[in-house]
Amino acid sequence: MKIAVISDTHFGYGWGTERENDSFEQAEEAIKKAIELKADIILMPGDIFDSRIPRQEVMEKAMRTLSIALHSNPTNVKVDTFSRDISPRTFSGVPIIAIHGTHERRGKGLVNPVKELEAANFLVALHCERIVLSKDGEKIAIHGMGGVPESYALDVLKQWNPKPLPNMFNILVLHQSFKEYIYEEAAFLSLDDMPSGFDLIINGHIHWHDILEKNGKKLLLPGSTITTQIRKGEAEKPKGFCMLDTATNNIEFFPLSSQRKVLYIDLSFEGEDASTATRKIKEKISSVLNTQFNKKPLLRVKISGTIKTGATIDRKEILDSFKDKAIISFDDVTTVTDFKRKIGLLREMQKSKMSVDEMGIAILRKNLEEAGYQGPDASKLLSLLAEGDIEKAIEFIYKNAPS
């Protein structure tokens, strides 16, 4: 069988902005392309929606998008074994098998939006269960575990304890962080933790495409169909979906033409003033926007280093200058030179083994000197502040401030 793996569509992402239709347009392209490629099944490994309780407008657009598969020519895939009855309508076109993701996960006893779609016959929603499908004598078993809190993932997987079935192609579908891809503090699963014997393990949640083979286990990251967090790596890897052929276990990735181009700029400053930094940022943006794009690209501007004391980069000026050419966001990790100097002062005081009180007085004295204060020693002011007597502290400053 041919299985299209379309993950992390995030329906509703960017609602109310100029990107509110992106998630639907890109998922629609993926579904239509999968149908053209003669997919027998569409598999969706979580985060179909961007929120646990999608607004009605998002749900309506999601249903219209998924109905493209429902209303396509039937693939004659049948349910061989499942724990509950599924309406024949769900299998009237290209059937969709799905799990919920972290964005859709809700508490015990509450219905998530993926289960709602199953109730409306748009798909089959799995969570710690499997479904066996057949076509023309071939059988496949899809074992699905929806997204759970990361710290519980290994325990839930062990408690469920999925096992591949004999004489058929077995797929394990998850929606979690993996240590091989996500920094260790956020991930509790690795490929080593996966049960053996599955022909393929598919994991949603991670938004870039990759295939990893290790110790006889094969892991597919289909990636997302939409960019939600603009990282440098996403500027290099396109969004798309995968086609799996169970006869050969061959996987092919198909990029989406409707996606916005992702651009990334990394600039560092060393004590520049605000106007100079703003000018340099605008010049760099102009240089990367000198080509034509089908849609406004997504441009992430990372700014690091130091800016002169009191300086503020004029983001509004930058955004207004390029509002018709790109959707710009900032990652600003700059510090002012004054802050850098104060950090150095703290380190020097630490080396001199000063007490906390002594350090406080030294910092306050330095700040008062820079403000032009010429009154009594700062220790008196620090005492008033330590006692919480703000009014007396202010009175003290005004009384001793230069006229």
Foldseek 3Di string as FASTA:
>chain_A
DKEWEAEQLAQQPPPPHPCNCVSLVLLLQQLVVCVVVVHQAYEYQANNHQAQDDDPVSVVSSVVSLCVQLPAQASPKDWDDDDDDADVSCRRGRHYEYEYEPRNDDDPPDDGVVVVCRVVSSHHYAALTWTWIDDPHAIEIEGEHYYDQQVCVLVVCVVSVDDDDPPHAYEYGYEADEVVPDPPVRHDHHPVSDDPDHLEYEYENAAAWDWDDDPRYIYTYQHHSADDDQDPVPLVGAHFIWMADSVVRDIDTDGTLSYAHEEEAEEEDEAAAQVVVLVVVLVVVCVVQVDDTPDAHEYEYEYEYEYAPPHDHDVVVSCVVCVVRHHYDYHYHYYYVVVVVVVVVVVVVVVVVDDPLVSVQVVVQVVCVVVQFDFDRCSVLVVCVVVVVVVVSVVVRVVRHDD
